[in-house]
mmCIF file of all heavy atoms, coordinates in Angstrom:
data_MODEL
# 
_entry.id   MODEL 
# 
loop_
_atom_site.group_PDB 
_atom_site.id 
_atom_site.type_symbol 
_atom_site.label_atom_id 
_atom_site.label_alt_id 
_atom_site.label_comp_id 
_atom_site.label_asym_id 
_atom_site.label_entity_id 
_atom_site.label_seq_id 
_atom_site.pdbx_PDB_ins_code 
_atom_site.Cartn_x 
_atom_site.Cartn_y 
_atom_site.Cartn_z 
_atom_site.occupancy 
_atom_site.B_iso_or_equiv 
_atom_site.pdbx_formal_charge 
_atom_site.auth_seq_id 
_atom_site.auth_comp_id 
_atom_site.auth_asym_id 
_atom_site.auth_atom_id 
_atom_site.pdbx_PDB_model_num 
ATOM 1   N N   . ARG A 1 1  ? -14.840 -64.043 71.882  1.00 0.00 ? 1  ARG A N   1 
ATOM 2   C CA  . ARG A 1 1  ? -13.827 -63.085 71.427  1.00 0.00 ? 1  ARG A CA  1 
ATOM 3   C C   . ARG A 1 1  ? -13.457 -62.102 72.543  1.00 0.00 ? 1  ARG A C   1 
ATOM 4   O O   . ARG A 1 1  ? -12.275 -61.788 72.736  1.00 0.00 ? 1  ARG A O   1 
ATOM 5   C CB  . ARG A 1 1  ? -14.352 -62.321 70.206  1.00 0.00 ? 1  ARG A CB  1 
ATOM 6   C CG  . ARG A 1 1  ? -13.354 -61.307 69.650  1.00 0.00 ? 1  ARG A CG  1 
ATOM 7   C CD  . ARG A 1 1  ? -13.983 -60.477 68.550  1.00 0.00 ? 1  ARG A CD  1 
ATOM 8   N NE  . ARG A 1 1  ? -13.060 -59.464 68.049  1.00 0.00 ? 1  ARG A NE  1 
ATOM 9   C CZ  . ARG A 1 1  ? -13.423 -58.349 67.436  1.00 0.00 ? 1  ARG A CZ  1 
ATOM 10  N NH1 . ARG A 1 1  ? -14.716 -58.111 67.214  1.00 0.00 ? 1  ARG A NH1 1 
ATOM 11  N NH2 . ARG A 1 1  ? -12.521 -57.481 67.015  1.00 0.00 ? 1  ARG A NH2 1 
ATOM 12  N N   . LEU A 1 2  ? -14.457 -61.630 73.290  1.00 0.00 ? 2  LEU A N   1 
ATOM 13  C CA  . LEU A 1 2  ? -14.160 -60.705 74.385  1.00 0.00 ? 2  LEU A CA  1 
ATOM 14  C C   . LEU A 1 2  ? -13.344 -61.383 75.473  1.00 0.00 ? 2  LEU A C   1 
ATOM 15  O O   . LEU A 1 2  ? -12.462 -60.755 76.079  1.00 0.00 ? 2  LEU A O   1 
ATOM 16  C CB  . LEU A 1 2  ? -15.464 -60.136 74.950  1.00 0.00 ? 2  LEU A CB  1 
ATOM 17  C CG  . LEU A 1 2  ? -15.916 -58.778 74.387  1.00 0.00 ? 2  LEU A CG  1 
ATOM 18  C CD1 . LEU A 1 2  ? -14.920 -57.686 74.749  1.00 0.00 ? 2  LEU A CD1 1 
ATOM 19  C CD2 . LEU A 1 2  ? -16.106 -58.816 72.885  1.00 0.00 ? 2  LEU A CD2 1 
ATOM 20  N N   . TRP A 1 3  ? -13.600 -62.668 75.705  1.00 0.00 ? 3  TRP A N   1 
ATOM 21  C CA  . TRP A 1 3  ? -12.757 -63.403 76.651  1.00 0.00 ? 3  TRP A CA  1 
ATOM 22  C C   . TRP A 1 3  ? -11.322 -63.447 76.140  1.00 0.00 ? 3  TRP A C   1 
ATOM 23  O O   . TRP A 1 3  ? -10.379 -63.177 76.891  1.00 0.00 ? 3  TRP A O   1 
ATOM 24  C CB  . TRP A 1 3  ? -13.299 -64.818 76.849  1.00 0.00 ? 3  TRP A CB  1 
ATOM 25  C CG  . TRP A 1 3  ? -12.371 -65.749 77.566  1.00 0.00 ? 3  TRP A CG  1 
ATOM 26  C CD1 . TRP A 1 3  ? -11.674 -65.480 78.716  1.00 0.00 ? 3  TRP A CD1 1 
ATOM 27  C CD2 . TRP A 1 3  ? -11.999 -67.065 77.175  1.00 0.00 ? 3  TRP A CD2 1 
ATOM 28  N NE1 . TRP A 1 3  ? -10.911 -66.576 79.067  1.00 0.00 ? 3  TRP A NE1 1 
ATOM 29  C CE2 . TRP A 1 3  ? -11.093 -67.565 78.144  1.00 0.00 ? 3  TRP A CE2 1 
ATOM 30  C CE3 . TRP A 1 3  ? -12.379 -67.903 76.112  1.00 0.00 ? 3  TRP A CE3 1 
ATOM 31  C CZ2 . TRP A 1 3  ? -10.542 -68.848 78.062  1.00 0.00 ? 3  TRP A CZ2 1 
ATOM 32  C CZ3 . TRP A 1 3  ? -11.828 -69.172 76.045  1.00 0.00 ? 3  TRP A CZ3 1 
ATOM 33  C CH2 . TRP A 1 3  ? -10.925 -69.629 77.009  1.00 0.00 ? 3  TRP A CH2 1 
ATOM 34  N N   . HIS A 1 4  ? -11.129 -63.775 74.877  1.00 0.00 ? 4  HIS A N   1 
ATOM 35  C CA  . HIS A 1 4  ? -9.785  -63.848 74.305  1.00 0.00 ? 4  HIS A CA  1 
ATOM 36  C C   . HIS A 1 4  ? -9.059  -62.509 74.408  1.00 0.00 ? 4  HIS A C   1 
ATOM 37  O O   . HIS A 1 4  ? -7.845  -62.469 74.626  1.00 0.00 ? 4  HIS A O   1 
ATOM 38  C CB  . HIS A 1 4  ? -9.860  -64.283 72.847  1.00 0.00 ? 4  HIS A CB  1 
ATOM 39  C CG  . HIS A 1 4  ? -10.234 -65.724 72.667  1.00 0.00 ? 4  HIS A CG  1 
ATOM 40  N ND1 . HIS A 1 4  ? -10.296 -66.327 71.431  1.00 0.00 ? 4  HIS A ND1 1 
ATOM 41  C CD2 . HIS A 1 4  ? -10.561 -66.690 73.563  1.00 0.00 ? 4  HIS A CD2 1 
ATOM 42  C CE1 . HIS A 1 4  ? -10.650 -67.598 71.574  1.00 0.00 ? 4  HIS A CE1 1 
ATOM 43  N NE2 . HIS A 1 4  ? -10.804 -67.828 72.855  1.00 0.00 ? 4  HIS A NE2 1 
ATOM 44  N N   . LEU A 1 5  ? -9.780  -61.407 74.251  1.00 0.00 ? 5  LEU A N   1 
ATOM 45  C CA  . LEU A 1 5  ? -9.167  -60.085 74.302  1.00 0.00 ? 5  LEU A CA  1 
ATOM 46  C C   . LEU A 1 5  ? -8.867  -59.643 75.733  1.00 0.00 ? 5  LEU A C   1 
ATOM 47  O O   . LEU A 1 5  ? -7.830  -59.005 75.991  1.00 0.00 ? 5  LEU A O   1 
ATOM 48  C CB  . LEU A 1 5  ? -10.090 -59.059 73.634  1.00 0.00 ? 5  LEU A CB  1 
ATOM 49  C CG  . LEU A 1 5  ? -10.196 -59.125 72.110  1.00 0.00 ? 5  LEU A CG  1 
ATOM 50  C CD1 . LEU A 1 5  ? -11.358 -58.272 71.612  1.00 0.00 ? 5  LEU A CD1 1 
ATOM 51  C CD2 . LEU A 1 5  ? -8.888  -58.672 71.455  1.00 0.00 ? 5  LEU A CD2 1 
ATOM 52  N N   . LEU A 1 6  ? -9.761  -59.962 76.663  1.00 0.00 ? 6  LEU A N   1 
ATOM 53  C CA  . LEU A 1 6  ? -9.607  -59.479 78.030  1.00 0.00 ? 6  LEU A CA  1 
ATOM 54  C C   . LEU A 1 6  ? -8.696  -60.359 78.884  1.00 0.00 ? 6  LEU A C   1 
ATOM 55  O O   . LEU A 1 6  ? -8.060  -59.869 79.812  1.00 0.00 ? 6  LEU A O   1 
ATOM 56  C CB  . LEU A 1 6  ? -10.981 -59.363 78.699  1.00 0.00 ? 6  LEU A CB  1 
ATOM 57  C CG  . LEU A 1 6  ? -11.845 -58.196 78.237  1.00 0.00 ? 6  LEU A CG  1 
ATOM 58  C CD1 . LEU A 1 6  ? -13.268 -58.344 78.759  1.00 0.00 ? 6  LEU A CD1 1 
ATOM 59  C CD2 . LEU A 1 6  ? -11.252 -56.867 78.692  1.00 0.00 ? 6  LEU A CD2 1 
ATOM 60  N N   . GLU A 1 7  ? -8.645  -61.649 78.572  1.00 0.00 ? 7  GLU A N   1 
ATOM 61  C CA  . GLU A 1 7  ? -7.852  -62.563 79.400  1.00 0.00 ? 7  GLU A CA  1 
ATOM 62  C C   . GLU A 1 7  ? -6.394  -62.117 79.532  1.00 0.00 ? 7  GLU A C   1 
ATOM 63  O O   . GLU A 1 7  ? -5.860  -62.066 80.653  1.00 0.00 ? 7  GLU A O   1 
ATOM 64  C CB  . GLU A 1 7  ? -7.939  -63.988 78.846  1.00 0.00 ? 7  GLU A CB  1 
ATOM 65  C CG  . GLU A 1 7  ? -7.108  -65.000 79.611  1.00 0.00 ? 7  GLU A CG  1 
ATOM 66  C CD  . GLU A 1 7  ? -7.606  -65.266 81.010  1.00 0.00 ? 7  GLU A CD  1 
ATOM 67  O OE1 . GLU A 1 7  ? -8.821  -65.144 81.247  1.00 0.00 ? 7  GLU A OE1 1 
ATOM 68  O OE2 . GLU A 1 7  ? -6.782  -65.596 81.884  1.00 0.00 ? 7  GLU A OE2 1 
ATOM 69  N N   . PRO A 1 8  ? -5.678  -61.778 78.444  1.00 0.00 ? 8  PRO A N   1 
ATOM 70  C CA  . PRO A 1 8  ? -4.284  -61.337 78.622  1.00 0.00 ? 8  PRO A CA  1 
ATOM 71  C C   . PRO A 1 8  ? -4.173  -60.048 79.436  1.00 0.00 ? 8  PRO A C   1 
ATOM 72  O O   . PRO A 1 8  ? -3.195  -59.876 80.174  1.00 0.00 ? 8  PRO A O   1 
ATOM 73  C CB  . PRO A 1 8  ? -3.796  -61.123 77.176  1.00 0.00 ? 8  PRO A CB  1 
ATOM 74  C CG  . PRO A 1 8  ? -4.694  -61.978 76.348  1.00 0.00 ? 8  PRO A CG  1 
ATOM 75  C CD  . PRO A 1 8  ? -6.032  -61.903 77.013  1.00 0.00 ? 8  PRO A CD  1 
ATOM 76  N N   . LEU A 1 9  ? -5.152  -59.153 79.291  1.00 0.00 ? 9  LEU A N   1 
ATOM 77  C CA  . LEU A 1 9  ? -5.106  -57.899 80.041  1.00 0.00 ? 9  LEU A CA  1 
ATOM 78  C C   . LEU A 1 9  ? -5.239  -58.148 81.533  1.00 0.00 ? 9  LEU A C   1 
ATOM 79  O O   . LEU A 1 9  ? -4.671  -57.411 82.346  1.00 0.00 ? 9  LEU A O   1 
ATOM 80  C CB  . LEU A 1 9  ? -6.221  -56.959 79.570  1.00 0.00 ? 9  LEU A CB  1 
ATOM 81  C CG  . LEU A 1 9  ? -6.126  -56.493 78.117  1.00 0.00 ? 9  LEU A CG  1 
ATOM 82  C CD1 . LEU A 1 9  ? -7.285  -55.587 77.770  1.00 0.00 ? 9  LEU A CD1 1 
ATOM 83  C CD2 . LEU A 1 9  ? -4.806  -55.770 77.870  1.00 0.00 ? 9  LEU A CD2 1 
ATOM 84  N N   . HIS A 1 10 ? -5.977  -59.182 81.902  1.00 0.00 ? 10 HIS A N   1 
ATOM 85  C CA  . HIS A 1 10 ? -6.045  -59.582 83.312  1.00 0.00 ? 10 HIS A CA  1 
ATOM 86  C C   . HIS A 1 10 ? -4.806  -60.362 83.721  1.00 0.00 ? 10 HIS A C   1 
ATOM 87  O O   . HIS A 1 10 ? -4.159  -60.064 84.723  1.00 0.00 ? 10 HIS A O   1 
ATOM 88  C CB  . HIS A 1 10 ? -7.288  -60.441 83.554  1.00 0.00 ? 10 HIS A CB  1 
ATOM 89  C CG  . HIS A 1 10 ? -7.149  -61.335 84.749  1.00 0.00 ? 10 HIS A CG  1 
ATOM 90  N ND1 . HIS A 1 10 ? -7.231  -60.863 86.044  1.00 0.00 ? 10 HIS A ND1 1 
ATOM 91  C CD2 . HIS A 1 10 ? -6.890  -62.678 84.846  1.00 0.00 ? 10 HIS A CD2 1 
ATOM 92  C CE1 . HIS A 1 10 ? -7.044  -61.868 86.887  1.00 0.00 ? 10 HIS A CE1 1 
ATOM 93  N NE2 . HIS A 1 10 ? -6.834  -62.972 86.189  1.00 0.00 ? 10 HIS A NE2 1 
ATOM 94  N N   . ALA A 1 11 ? -4.471  -61.403 82.955  1.00 0.00 ? 11 ALA A N   1 
ATOM 95  C CA  . ALA A 1 11 ? -3.479  -62.398 83.383  1.00 0.00 ? 11 ALA A CA  1 
ATOM 96  C C   . ALA A 1 11 ? -2.071  -61.856 83.480  1.00 0.00 ? 11 ALA A C   1 
ATOM 97  O O   . ALA A 1 11 ? -1.226  -62.448 84.168  1.00 0.00 ? 11 ALA A O   1 
ATOM 98  C CB  . ALA A 1 11 ? -3.507  -63.592 82.424  1.00 0.00 ? 11 ALA A CB  1 
ATOM 99  N N   . VAL A 1 12 ? -1.778  -60.737 82.839  1.00 0.00 ? 12 VAL A N   1 
ATOM 100 C CA  . VAL A 1 12 ? -0.414  -60.198 82.895  1.00 0.00 ? 12 VAL A CA  1 
ATOM 101 C C   . VAL A 1 12 ? -0.030  -59.864 84.334  1.00 0.00 ? 12 VAL A C   1 
ATOM 102 O O   . VAL A 1 12 ? 1.165   -59.803 84.665  1.00 0.00 ? 12 VAL A O   1 
ATOM 103 C CB  . VAL A 1 12 ? -0.286  -58.970 81.961  1.00 0.00 ? 12 VAL A CB  1 
ATOM 104 C CG1 . VAL A 1 12 ? -1.010  -57.748 82.528  1.00 0.00 ? 12 VAL A CG1 1 
ATOM 105 C CG2 . VAL A 1 12 ? 1.180   -58.647 81.682  1.00 0.00 ? 12 VAL A CG2 1 
ATOM 106 N N   . VAL A 1 13 ? -1.007  -59.692 85.227  1.00 0.00 ? 13 VAL A N   1 
ATOM 107 C CA  . VAL A 1 13 ? -0.706  -59.413 86.633  1.00 0.00 ? 13 VAL A CA  1 
ATOM 108 C C   . VAL A 1 13 ? 0.101   -60.533 87.271  1.00 0.00 ? 13 VAL A C   1 
ATOM 109 O O   . VAL A 1 13 ? 0.850   -60.307 88.215  1.00 0.00 ? 13 VAL A O   1 
ATOM 110 C CB  . VAL A 1 13 ? -2.017  -59.163 87.426  1.00 0.00 ? 13 VAL A CB  1 
ATOM 111 C CG1 . VAL A 1 13 ? -2.801  -60.456 87.628  1.00 0.00 ? 13 VAL A CG1 1 
ATOM 112 C CG2 . VAL A 1 13 ? -1.735  -58.488 88.765  1.00 0.00 ? 13 VAL A CG2 1 
ATOM 113 N N   . TYR A 1 14 ? -0.009  -61.748 86.746  1.00 0.00 ? 14 TYR A N   1 
ATOM 114 C CA  . TYR A 1 14 ? 0.700   -62.889 87.325  1.00 0.00 ? 14 TYR A CA  1 
ATOM 115 C C   . TYR A 1 14 ? 2.080   -63.110 86.706  1.00 0.00 ? 14 TYR A C   1 
ATOM 116 O O   . TYR A 1 14 ? 2.787   -64.049 87.094  1.00 0.00 ? 14 TYR A O   1 
ATOM 117 C CB  . TYR A 1 14 ? -0.140  -64.158 87.163  1.00 0.00 ? 14 TYR A CB  1 
ATOM 118 C CG  . TYR A 1 14 ? -1.523  -64.019 87.737  1.00 0.00 ? 14 TYR A CG  1 
ATOM 119 C CD1 . TYR A 1 14 ? -2.648  -64.205 86.932  1.00 0.00 ? 14 TYR A CD1 1 
ATOM 120 C CD2 . TYR A 1 14 ? -1.726  -63.666 89.065  1.00 0.00 ? 14 TYR A CD2 1 
ATOM 121 C CE1 . TYR A 1 14 ? -3.928  -64.057 87.453  1.00 0.00 ? 14 TYR A CE1 1 
ATOM 122 C CE2 . TYR A 1 14 ? -2.995  -63.503 89.587  1.00 0.00 ? 14 TYR A CE2 1 
ATOM 123 C CZ  . TYR A 1 14 ? -4.102  -63.701 88.777  1.00 0.00 ? 14 TYR A CZ  1 
ATOM 124 O OH  . TYR A 1 14 ? -5.365  -63.545 89.285  1.00 0.00 ? 14 TYR A OH  1 
ATOM 125 N N   . TYR A 1 15 ? 2.465   -62.244 85.763  1.00 0.00 ? 15 TYR A N   1 
ATOM 126 C CA  . TYR A 1 15 ? 3.742   -62.415 85.062  1.00 0.00 ? 15 TYR A CA  1 
ATOM 127 C C   . TYR A 1 15 ? 4.590   -61.144 85.017  1.00 0.00 ? 15 TYR A C   1 
ATOM 128 O O   . TYR A 1 15 ? 5.790   -61.224 84.752  1.00 0.00 ? 15 TYR A O   1 
ATOM 129 C CB  . TYR A 1 15 ? 3.495   -62.871 83.618  1.00 0.00 ? 15 TYR A CB  1 
ATOM 130 C CG  . TYR A 1 15 ? 2.817   -64.207 83.503  1.00 0.00 ? 15 TYR A CG  1 
ATOM 131 C CD1 . TYR A 1 15 ? 1.439   -64.302 83.382  1.00 0.00 ? 15 TYR A CD1 1 
ATOM 132 C CD2 . TYR A 1 15 ? 3.553   -65.396 83.519  1.00 0.00 ? 15 TYR A CD2 1 
ATOM 133 C CE1 . TYR A 1 15 ? 0.796   -65.536 83.282  1.00 0.00 ? 15 TYR A CE1 1 
ATOM 134 C CE2 . TYR A 1 15 ? 2.930   -66.631 83.417  1.00 0.00 ? 15 TYR A CE2 1 
ATOM 135 C CZ  . TYR A 1 15 ? 1.551   -66.692 83.295  1.00 0.00 ? 15 TYR A CZ  1 
ATOM 136 O OH  . TYR A 1 15 ? 0.923   -67.915 83.197  1.00 0.00 ? 15 TYR A OH  1 
ATOM 137 N N   . ALA A 1 16 ? 3.994   -59.999 85.217  1.00 0.00 ? 16 ALA A N   1 
ATOM 138 C CA  . ALA A 1 16 ? 4.711   -58.736 85.043  1.00 0.00 ? 16 ALA A CA  1 
ATOM 139 C C   . ALA A 1 16 ? 5.776   -58.555 86.126  1.00 0.00 ? 16 ALA A C   1 
ATOM 140 O O   . ALA A 1 16 ? 5.504   -58.765 87.319  1.00 0.00 ? 16 ALA A O   1 
ATOM 141 C CB  . ALA A 1 16 ? 3.729   -57.563 85.081  1.00 0.00 ? 16 ALA A CB  1 
ATOM 142 N N   . PRO A 1 17 ? 6.985   -58.159 85.747  1.00 0.00 ? 17 PRO A N   1 
ATOM 143 C CA  . PRO A 1 17 ? 8.037   -57.965 86.752  1.00 0.00 ? 17 PRO A CA  1 
ATOM 144 C C   . PRO A 1 17 ? 7.667   -56.911 87.788  1.00 0.00 ? 17 PRO A C   1 
ATOM 145 O O   . PRO A 1 17 ? 8.073   -57.005 88.948  1.00 0.00 ? 17 PRO A O   1 
ATOM 146 C CB  . PRO A 1 17 ? 9.253   -57.548 85.924  1.00 0.00 ? 17 PRO A CB  1 
ATOM 147 C CG  . PRO A 1 17 ? 8.707   -57.092 84.604  1.00 0.00 ? 17 PRO A CG  1 
ATOM 148 C CD  . PRO A 1 17 ? 7.470   -57.889 84.376  1.00 0.00 ? 17 PRO A CD  1 
ATOM 149 N N   . GLU A 1 18 ? 6.886   -55.925 87.380  1.00 0.00 ? 18 GLU A N   1 
ATOM 150 C CA  . GLU A 1 18 ? 6.486   -54.870 88.323  1.00 0.00 ? 18 GLU A CA  1 
ATOM 151 C C   . GLU A 1 18 ? 5.623   -55.438 89.447  1.00 0.00 ? 18 GLU A C   1 
ATOM 152 O O   . GLU A 1 18 ? 5.732   -55.015 90.607  1.00 0.00 ? 18 GLU A O   1 
ATOM 153 C CB  . GLU A 1 18 ? 5.728   -53.764 87.586  1.00 0.00 ? 18 GLU A CB  1 
ATOM 154 C CG  . GLU A 1 18 ? 6.554   -53.010 86.558  1.00 0.00 ? 18 GLU A CG  1 
ATOM 155 C CD  . GLU A 1 18 ? 6.617   -53.691 85.189  1.00 0.00 ? 18 GLU A CD  1 
ATOM 156 O OE1 . GLU A 1 18 ? 6.038   -54.798 85.040  1.00 0.00 ? 18 GLU A OE1 1 
ATOM 157 O OE2 . GLU A 1 18 ? 7.223   -53.114 84.271  1.00 0.00 ? 18 GLU A OE2 1 
ATOM 158 N N   . VAL A 1 19 ? 4.765   -56.404 89.111  1.00 0.00 ? 19 VAL A N   1 
ATOM 159 C CA  . VAL A 1 19 ? 3.928   -57.034 90.134  1.00 0.00 ? 19 VAL A CA  1 
ATOM 160 C C   . VAL A 1 19 ? 4.774   -57.937 91.023  1.00 0.00 ? 19 VAL A C   1 
ATOM 161 O O   . VAL A 1 19 ? 4.595   -57.978 92.248  1.00 0.00 ? 19 VAL A O   1 
ATOM 162 C CB  . VAL A 1 19 ? 2.765   -57.813 89.491  1.00 0.00 ? 19 VAL A CB  1 
ATOM 163 C CG1 . VAL A 1 19 ? 1.878   -58.435 90.563  1.00 0.00 ? 19 VAL A CG1 1 
ATOM 164 C CG2 . VAL A 1 19 ? 1.935   -56.905 88.594  1.00 0.00 ? 19 VAL A CG2 1 
ATOM 165 N N   . PHE A 1 20 ? 5.709   -58.665 90.406  1.00 0.00 ? 20 PHE A N   1 
ATOM 166 C CA  . PHE A 1 20 ? 6.617   -59.490 91.210  1.00 0.00 ? 20 PHE A CA  1 
ATOM 167 C C   . PHE A 1 20 ? 7.397   -58.627 92.213  1.00 0.00 ? 20 PHE A C   1 
ATOM 168 O O   . PHE A 1 20 ? 7.605   -59.028 93.367  1.00 0.00 ? 20 PHE A O   1 
ATOM 169 C CB  . PHE A 1 20 ? 7.602   -60.232 90.306  1.00 0.00 ? 20 PHE A CB  1 
ATOM 170 C CG  . PHE A 1 20 ? 7.028   -61.436 89.620  1.00 0.00 ? 20 PHE A CG  1 
ATOM 171 C CD1 . PHE A 1 20 ? 7.299   -61.685 88.282  1.00 0.00 ? 20 PHE A CD1 1 
ATOM 172 C CD2 . PHE A 1 20 ? 6.225   -62.342 90.304  1.00 0.00 ? 20 PHE A CD2 1 
ATOM 173 C CE1 . PHE A 1 20 ? 6.782   -62.803 87.641  1.00 0.00 ? 20 PHE A CE1 1 
ATOM 174 C CE2 . PHE A 1 20 ? 5.707   -63.467 89.674  1.00 0.00 ? 20 PHE A CE2 1 
ATOM 175 C CZ  . PHE A 1 20 ? 5.986   -63.695 88.337  1.00 0.00 ? 20 PHE A CZ  1 
ATOM 176 N N   . GLU A 1 21 ? 7.806   -57.447 91.790  1.00 0.00 ? 21 GLU A N   1 
ATOM 177 C CA  . GLU A 1 21 ? 8.549   -56.567 92.694  1.00 0.00 ? 21 GLU A CA  1 
ATOM 178 C C   . GLU A 1 21 ? 7.683   -56.145 93.876  1.00 0.00 ? 21 GLU A C   1 
ATOM 179 O O   . GLU A 1 21 ? 8.157   -56.091 95.025  1.00 0.00 ? 21 GLU A O   1 
ATOM 180 C CB  . GLU A 1 21 ? 9.051   -55.340 91.932  1.00 0.00 ? 21 GLU A CB  1 
ATOM 181 C CG  . GLU A 1 21 ? 10.180  -55.645 90.956  1.00 0.00 ? 21 GLU A CG  1 
ATOM 182 C CD  . GLU A 1 21 ? 10.503  -54.475 90.052  1.00 0.00 ? 21 GLU A CD  1 
ATOM 183 O OE1 . GLU A 1 21 ? 9.916   -53.386 90.249  1.00 0.00 ? 21 GLU A OE1 1 
ATOM 184 O OE2 . GLU A 1 21 ? 11.329  -54.647 89.138  1.00 0.00 ? 21 GLU A OE2 1 
ATOM 185 N N   . GLU A 1 22 ? 6.418   -55.843 93.606  1.00 0.00 ? 22 GLU A N   1 
ATOM 186 C CA  . GLU A 1 22 ? 5.512   -55.463 94.693  1.00 0.00 ? 22 GLU A CA  1 
ATOM 187 C C   . GLU A 1 22 ? 5.274   -56.644 95.636  1.00 0.00 ? 22 GLU A C   1 
ATOM 188 O O   . GLU A 1 22 ? 5.218   -56.477 96.858  1.00 0.00 ? 22 GLU A O   1 
ATOM 189 C CB  . GLU A 1 22 ? 4.183   -54.961 94.123  1.00 0.00 ? 22 GLU A CB  1 
ATOM 190 C CG  . GLU A 1 22 ? 4.285   -53.682 93.304  1.00 0.00 ? 22 GLU A CG  1 
ATOM 191 C CD  . GLU A 1 22 ? 4.605   -52.454 94.149  1.00 0.00 ? 22 GLU A CD  1 
ATOM 192 O OE1 . GLU A 1 22 ? 4.457   -52.514 95.387  1.00 0.00 ? 22 GLU A OE1 1 
ATOM 193 O OE2 . GLU A 1 22 ? 4.991   -51.421 93.558  1.00 0.00 ? 22 GLU A OE2 1 
ATOM 194 N N   . ALA A 1 23 ? 5.129   -57.839 95.064  1.00 0.00 ? 23 ALA A N   1 
ATOM 195 C CA  . ALA A 1 23 ? 4.924   -59.026 95.897  1.00 0.00 ? 23 ALA A CA  1 
ATOM 196 C C   . ALA A 1 23 ? 6.173   -59.328 96.724  1.00 0.00 ? 23 ALA A C   1 
ATOM 197 O O   . ALA A 1 23 ? 6.078   -59.690 97.905  1.00 0.00 ? 23 ALA A O   1 
ATOM 198 C CB  . ALA A 1 23 ? 4.561   -60.223 95.021  1.00 0.00 ? 23 ALA A CB  1 
ATOM 199 N N   . ALA A 1 24 ? 7.341   -59.179 96.114  1.00 0.00 ? 24 ALA A N   1 
ATOM 200 C CA  . ALA A 1 24 ? 8.594   -59.419 96.835  1.00 0.00 ? 24 ALA A CA  1 
ATOM 201 C C   . ALA A 1 24 ? 8.763   -58.435 97.983  1.00 0.00 ? 24 ALA A C   1 
ATOM 202 O O   . ALA A 1 24 ? 9.277   -58.788 99.057  1.00 0.00 ? 24 ALA A O   1 
ATOM 203 C CB  . ALA A 1 24 ? 9.775   -59.335 95.875  1.00 0.00 ? 24 ALA A CB  1 
ATOM 204 N N   . ALA A 1 25 ? 8.325   -57.193 97.763  1.00 0.00 ? 25 ALA A N   1 
ATOM 205 C CA  . ALA A 1 25 ? 8.425   -56.185 98.819  1.00 0.00 ? 25 ALA A CA  1 
ATOM 206 C C   . ALA A 1 25 ? 7.573   -56.559 100.027 1.00 0.00 ? 25 ALA A C   1 
ATOM 207 O O   . ALA A 1 25 ? 7.892   -56.166 101.160 1.00 0.00 ? 25 ALA A O   1 
ATOM 208 C CB  . ALA A 1 25 ? 8.015   -54.819 98.283  1.00 0.00 ? 25 ALA A CB  1 
ATOM 209 N N   . LEU A 1 26 ? 6.502   -57.320 99.799  1.00 0.00 ? 26 LEU A N   1 
ATOM 210 C CA  . LEU A 1 26 ? 5.686   -57.800 100.911 1.00 0.00 ? 26 LEU A CA  1 
ATOM 211 C C   . LEU A 1 26 ? 6.313   -58.996 101.609 1.00 0.00 ? 26 LEU A C   1 
ATOM 212 O O   . LEU A 1 26 ? 5.935   -59.330 102.733 1.00 0.00 ? 26 LEU A O   1 
ATOM 213 C CB  . LEU A 1 26 ? 4.294   -58.206 100.409 1.00 0.00 ? 26 LEU A CB  1 
ATOM 214 C CG  . LEU A 1 26 ? 3.371   -57.099 99.889  1.00 0.00 ? 26 LEU A CG  1 
ATOM 215 C CD1 . LEU A 1 26 ? 2.055   -57.697 99.421  1.00 0.00 ? 26 LEU A CD1 1 
ATOM 216 C CD2 . LEU A 1 26 ? 3.118   -56.034 100.956 1.00 0.00 ? 26 LEU A CD2 1 
ATOM 217 N N   . GLY A 1 27 ? 7.255   -59.661 100.935 1.00 0.00 ? 27 GLY A N   1 
ATOM 218 C CA  . GLY A 1 27 ? 7.923   -60.803 101.524 1.00 0.00 ? 27 GLY A CA  1 
ATOM 219 C C   . GLY A 1 27 ? 7.691   -62.124 100.839 1.00 0.00 ? 27 GLY A C   1 
ATOM 220 O O   . GLY A 1 27 ? 8.148   -63.171 101.319 1.00 0.00 ? 27 GLY A O   1 
ATOM 221 N N   . TYR A 1 28 ? 6.992   -62.121 99.668  1.00 0.00 ? 28 TYR A N   1 
ATOM 222 C CA  . TYR A 1 28 ? 6.733   -63.377 98.960  1.00 0.00 ? 28 TYR A CA  1 
ATOM 223 C C   . TYR A 1 28 ? 7.939   -63.770 98.104  1.00 0.00 ? 28 TYR A C   1 
ATOM 224 O O   . TYR A 1 28 ? 8.646   -62.918 97.562  1.00 0.00 ? 28 TYR A O   1 
ATOM 225 C CB  . TYR A 1 28 ? 5.489   -63.245 98.071  1.00 0.00 ? 28 TYR A CB  1 
ATOM 226 C CG  . TYR A 1 28 ? 4.217   -63.120 98.866  1.00 0.00 ? 28 TYR A CG  1 
ATOM 227 C CD1 . TYR A 1 28 ? 3.615   -61.882 99.047  1.00 0.00 ? 28 TYR A CD1 1 
ATOM 228 C CD2 . TYR A 1 28 ? 3.644   -64.231 99.469  1.00 0.00 ? 28 TYR A CD2 1 
ATOM 229 C CE1 . TYR A 1 28 ? 2.464   -61.750 99.806  1.00 0.00 ? 28 TYR A CE1 1 
ATOM 230 C CE2 . TYR A 1 28 ? 2.482   -64.114 100.223 1.00 0.00 ? 28 TYR A CE2 1 
ATOM 231 C CZ  . TYR A 1 28 ? 1.901   -62.861 100.396 1.00 0.00 ? 28 TYR A CZ  1 
ATOM 232 O OH  . TYR A 1 28 ? 0.761   -62.745 101.153 1.00 0.00 ? 28 TYR A OH  1 
# 
């Protein structure tokens, strides 16, 4: 259950537009 609850809180880093913007600013 803790895995199910924590996984989305971690994984959103790979989908959030704010993170994409930071990655794009680096040149990715």
